[in-house]
Amino acid sequence: MDRKMANRKLIRLSQLKSKLATENLEEIDWVTFGVIVKKVTPQSTNNGRTFSIWRLNDLRDLNQCVSLFLFGDVHKEHWKTDQGTV
């Protein structure tokens, strides 16, 4: 993990909103980690495309969640991922 994180900045999900407001993250090589705390049953768009919604949290502040929408190949590959997965 140390090798993979070399020269990267860790930003916790619970800090993401404030970091987006105060830093230009497009100029930084950063990573974040999250746990799937809730999965919504896959849904369909008006044109019939299926997608998933995951709620992610860093387990530091359970009130700060990020919603992740999965479409296309990402949805097809990952929609069965279990809740609780990092």
N, C-alpha and C. Protein backbone atom coordinates (compact mmCIF):
# COMPACT_ATOMS: atom_id res chain seq x y z
N MET A 1 0.83 -1.19 0.00
CA MET A 1 0.00 0.00 0.00
C MET A 1 0.88 1.26 0.00
N ASP A 2 1.98 1.22 0.77
CA ASP A 2 2.87 2.37 0.80
C ASP A 2 3.39 2.72 -0.59
N ARG A 3 3.73 1.69 -1.36
CA ARG A 3 4.24 1.93 -2.72
C ARG A 3 3.15 2.55 -3.60
N LYS A 4 1.93 2.04 -3.50
CA LYS A 4 0.83 2.57 -4.31
C LYS A 4 0.46 4.00 -3.93
N MET A 5 0.66 4.35 -2.67
CA MET A 5 0.28 5.68 -2.18
C MET A 5 1.42 6.71 -2.31
N ALA A 6 2.59 6.28 -2.72
CA ALA A 6 3.73 7.20 -2.84
C ALA A 6 3.36 8.38 -3.75
N ASN A 7 3.65 9.58 -3.27
CA ASN A 7 3.40 10.83 -4.02
C ASN A 7 1.92 11.13 -4.25
N ARG A 8 1.05 10.50 -3.50
CA ARG A 8 -0.38 10.76 -3.60
C ARG A 8 -0.88 11.29 -2.27
N LYS A 9 -1.92 12.09 -2.35
CA LYS A 9 -2.51 12.65 -1.14
C LYS A 9 -3.79 11.90 -0.81
N LEU A 10 -3.91 11.45 0.43
CA LEU A 10 -5.13 10.79 0.88
C LEU A 10 -6.12 11.85 1.34
N ILE A 11 -7.31 11.81 0.78
CA ILE A 11 -8.40 12.68 1.21
C ILE A 11 -9.54 11.79 1.65
N ARG A 12 -9.89 11.89 2.90
CA ARG A 12 -10.99 11.07 3.42
C ARG A 12 -12.31 11.53 2.81
N LEU A 13 -13.23 10.60 2.60
CA LEU A 13 -14.53 10.96 2.05
C LEU A 13 -15.22 12.03 2.89
N SER A 14 -15.07 11.96 4.21
CA SER A 14 -15.72 12.94 5.08
C SER A 14 -15.10 14.33 4.93
N GLN A 15 -13.92 14.43 4.31
CA GLN A 15 -13.25 15.72 4.08
C GLN A 15 -13.44 16.22 2.65
N LEU A 16 -13.99 15.40 1.79
CA LEU A 16 -14.02 15.70 0.36
C LEU A 16 -14.73 17.01 0.04
N LYS A 17 -15.87 17.25 0.63
CA LYS A 17 -16.62 18.46 0.34
C LYS A 17 -15.82 19.71 0.67
N SER A 18 -15.20 19.74 1.84
CA SER A 18 -14.42 20.92 2.22
C SER A 18 -13.17 21.06 1.36
N LYS A 19 -12.53 19.94 0.98
CA LYS A 19 -11.33 20.00 0.13
C LYS A 19 -11.69 20.50 -1.26
N LEU A 20 -12.84 20.10 -1.78
CA LEU A 20 -13.28 20.58 -3.09
C LEU A 20 -13.50 22.09 -3.08
N ALA A 21 -13.93 22.61 -1.95
CA ALA A 21 -14.19 24.05 -1.84
C ALA A 21 -12.92 24.86 -1.67
N THR A 22 -11.86 24.26 -1.12
CA THR A 22 -10.67 25.04 -0.78
C THR A 22 -9.43 24.71 -1.61
N GLU A 23 -9.43 23.61 -2.33
CA GLU A 23 -8.26 23.20 -3.10
C GLU A 23 -8.65 22.86 -4.53
N ASN A 24 -7.69 23.03 -5.45
CA ASN A 24 -7.90 22.63 -6.83
C ASN A 24 -7.42 21.18 -6.96
N LEU A 25 -8.31 20.24 -6.77
CA LEU A 25 -7.94 18.83 -6.74
C LEU A 25 -7.54 18.30 -8.11
N GLU A 26 -7.86 19.03 -9.17
CA GLU A 26 -7.47 18.59 -10.50
C GLU A 26 -5.96 18.65 -10.68
N GLU A 27 -5.28 19.43 -9.85
CA GLU A 27 -3.83 19.57 -9.96
C GLU A 27 -3.08 18.68 -8.97
N ILE A 28 -3.80 17.87 -8.22
CA ILE A 28 -3.21 17.01 -7.20
C ILE A 28 -3.50 15.55 -7.53
N ASP A 29 -2.51 14.68 -7.33
CA ASP A 29 -2.74 13.24 -7.47
C ASP A 29 -3.25 12.76 -6.11
N TRP A 30 -4.56 12.55 -6.01
CA TRP A 30 -5.16 12.19 -4.73
C TRP A 30 -6.00 10.93 -4.86
N VAL A 31 -6.22 10.29 -3.71
CA VAL A 31 -7.03 9.09 -3.64
C VAL A 31 -7.96 9.19 -2.44
N THR A 32 -9.00 8.39 -2.49
CA THR A 32 -9.90 8.29 -1.35
C THR A 32 -10.35 6.83 -1.23
N PHE A 33 -10.80 6.47 -0.07
CA PHE A 33 -11.30 5.12 0.18
C PHE A 33 -12.70 5.24 0.75
N GLY A 34 -13.55 4.30 0.42
CA GLY A 34 -14.89 4.31 0.96
C GLY A 34 -15.42 2.90 1.13
N VAL A 35 -16.35 2.79 2.03
CA VAL A 35 -17.05 1.54 2.29
C VAL A 35 -18.46 1.70 1.74
N ILE A 36 -18.94 0.70 1.04
CA ILE A 36 -20.34 0.73 0.56
C ILE A 36 -21.24 0.50 1.76
N VAL A 37 -21.90 1.57 2.21
CA VAL A 37 -22.78 1.45 3.38
C VAL A 37 -24.23 1.22 2.99
N LYS A 38 -24.57 1.51 1.73
CA LYS A 38 -25.93 1.26 1.26
C LYS A 38 -25.92 1.12 -0.25
N LYS A 39 -26.70 0.17 -0.75
CA LYS A 39 -26.87 -0.02 -2.18
C LYS A 39 -28.36 0.08 -2.49
N VAL A 40 -28.68 0.85 -3.50
CA VAL A 40 -30.06 0.95 -3.97
C VAL A 40 -30.24 -0.11 -5.05
N THR A 41 -31.39 -0.74 -5.08
CA THR A 41 -31.68 -1.73 -6.12
C THR A 41 -31.46 -1.10 -7.49
N PRO A 42 -30.76 -1.80 -8.41
CA PRO A 42 -30.53 -1.23 -9.74
C PRO A 42 -31.81 -0.69 -10.35
N GLN A 43 -31.67 0.45 -11.02
CA GLN A 43 -32.81 1.13 -11.61
C GLN A 43 -32.57 1.34 -13.10
N SER A 44 -33.61 1.74 -13.81
CA SER A 44 -33.50 1.99 -15.25
C SER A 44 -33.81 3.44 -15.55
N THR A 45 -33.07 3.98 -16.52
CA THR A 45 -33.34 5.33 -17.01
C THR A 45 -34.53 5.27 -17.95
N ASN A 46 -34.97 6.42 -18.41
CA ASN A 46 -36.11 6.49 -19.34
C ASN A 46 -35.83 5.76 -20.64
N ASN A 47 -34.55 5.70 -21.04
CA ASN A 47 -34.22 5.01 -22.29
C ASN A 47 -33.87 3.54 -22.08
N GLY A 48 -34.08 3.02 -20.86
CA GLY A 48 -33.90 1.60 -20.59
C GLY A 48 -32.52 1.19 -20.11
N ARG A 49 -31.60 2.14 -19.98
CA ARG A 49 -30.27 1.80 -19.47
C ARG A 49 -30.32 1.59 -17.96
N THR A 50 -29.69 0.54 -17.48
CA THR A 50 -29.70 0.21 -16.06
C THR A 50 -28.50 0.85 -15.37
N PHE A 51 -28.71 1.28 -14.12
CA PHE A 51 -27.64 1.88 -13.34
C PHE A 51 -27.82 1.53 -11.86
N SER A 52 -26.76 1.72 -11.11
CA SER A 52 -26.78 1.47 -9.66
C SER A 52 -26.38 2.72 -8.92
N ILE A 53 -26.82 2.81 -7.67
CA ILE A 53 -26.42 3.91 -6.79
C ILE A 53 -25.87 3.29 -5.51
N TRP A 54 -24.66 3.69 -5.15
CA TRP A 54 -24.04 3.27 -3.90
C TRP A 54 -23.86 4.48 -3.02
N ARG A 55 -24.02 4.29 -1.72
CA ARG A 55 -23.68 5.33 -0.74
C ARG A 55 -22.40 4.87 -0.06
N LEU A 56 -21.39 5.73 -0.13
CA LEU A 56 -20.07 5.42 0.41
C LEU A 56 -19.78 6.27 1.64
N ASN A 57 -19.01 5.71 2.56
CA ASN A 57 -18.63 6.42 3.78
C ASN A 57 -17.24 5.96 4.17
N ASP A 58 -16.51 6.81 4.90
CA ASP A 58 -15.17 6.43 5.36
C ASP A 58 -15.18 5.91 6.80
N LEU A 59 -16.36 5.74 7.38
CA LEU A 59 -16.57 5.24 8.74
C LEU A 59 -16.00 6.15 9.81
N ARG A 60 -15.61 7.36 9.44
CA ARG A 60 -15.15 8.34 10.42
C ARG A 60 -16.31 9.23 10.85
N ASP A 61 -17.13 9.63 9.89
CA ASP A 61 -18.29 10.47 10.16
C ASP A 61 -19.46 9.87 9.39
N LEU A 62 -20.32 9.15 10.06
CA LEU A 62 -21.40 8.43 9.40
C LEU A 62 -22.46 9.35 8.79
N ASN A 63 -22.40 10.65 9.10
CA ASN A 63 -23.33 11.60 8.50
C ASN A 63 -22.84 12.13 7.16
N GLN A 64 -21.58 11.87 6.82
CA GLN A 64 -20.99 12.36 5.58
C GLN A 64 -20.86 11.20 4.59
N CYS A 65 -21.81 11.08 3.69
CA CYS A 65 -21.78 10.02 2.68
C CYS A 65 -21.66 10.65 1.30
N VAL A 66 -21.13 9.87 0.39
CA VAL A 66 -21.02 10.27 -1.01
C VAL A 66 -21.84 9.28 -1.81
N SER A 67 -22.68 9.78 -2.71
CA SER A 67 -23.44 8.90 -3.60
C SER A 67 -22.65 8.69 -4.87
N LEU A 68 -22.51 7.44 -5.26
CA LEU A 68 -21.78 7.07 -6.47
C LEU A 68 -22.76 6.40 -7.42
N PHE A 69 -22.88 6.95 -8.63
CA PHE A 69 -23.77 6.41 -9.64
C PHE A 69 -22.94 5.59 -10.63
N LEU A 70 -23.33 4.35 -10.87
CA LEU A 70 -22.61 3.45 -11.77
C LEU A 70 -23.44 3.22 -13.02
N PHE A 71 -22.87 3.53 -14.18
CA PHE A 71 -23.55 3.38 -15.46
C PHE A 71 -22.73 2.49 -16.38
N GLY A 72 -23.34 2.01 -17.44
CA GLY A 72 -22.64 1.31 -18.52
C GLY A 72 -21.86 0.11 -18.06
N ASP A 73 -20.62 -0.01 -18.58
CA ASP A 73 -19.78 -1.16 -18.26
C ASP A 73 -19.43 -1.24 -16.78
N VAL A 74 -19.30 -0.09 -16.13
CA VAL A 74 -18.98 -0.08 -14.69
C VAL A 74 -20.14 -0.71 -13.92
N HIS A 75 -21.36 -0.34 -14.26
CA HIS A 75 -22.53 -0.96 -13.62
C HIS A 75 -22.54 -2.47 -13.88
N LYS A 76 -22.35 -2.87 -15.13
CA LYS A 76 -22.40 -4.29 -15.49
C LYS A 76 -21.36 -5.10 -14.73
N GLU A 77 -20.19 -4.53 -14.54
CA GLU A 77 -19.10 -5.25 -13.89
C GLU A 77 -19.22 -5.28 -12.37
N HIS A 78 -19.80 -4.23 -11.77
CA HIS A 78 -19.73 -4.10 -10.32
C HIS A 78 -21.06 -4.11 -9.58
N TRP A 79 -22.20 -4.23 -10.26
CA TRP A 79 -23.47 -4.07 -9.57
C TRP A 79 -23.72 -5.12 -8.50
N LYS A 80 -23.05 -6.25 -8.57
CA LYS A 80 -23.24 -7.31 -7.57
C LYS A 80 -22.29 -7.17 -6.38
N THR A 81 -21.45 -6.15 -6.36
CA THR A 81 -20.51 -5.95 -5.26
C THR A 81 -21.30 -5.84 -3.95
N ASP A 82 -20.83 -6.53 -2.92
CA ASP A 82 -21.55 -6.59 -1.65
C ASP A 82 -21.46 -5.30 -0.85
N GLN A 83 -22.54 -4.98 -0.16
CA GLN A 83 -22.53 -3.89 0.80
C GLN A 83 -21.49 -4.23 1.86
N GLY A 84 -20.72 -3.24 2.30
CA GLY A 84 -19.66 -3.48 3.27
C GLY A 84 -18.29 -3.60 2.64
N THR A 85 -18.26 -3.69 1.31
CA THR A 85 -17.00 -3.78 0.59
C THR A 85 -16.30 -2.43 0.58
N VAL A 86 -14.96 -2.46 0.70
CA VAL A 86 -14.15 -1.23 0.62
C VAL A 86 -13.80 -1.01 -0.84
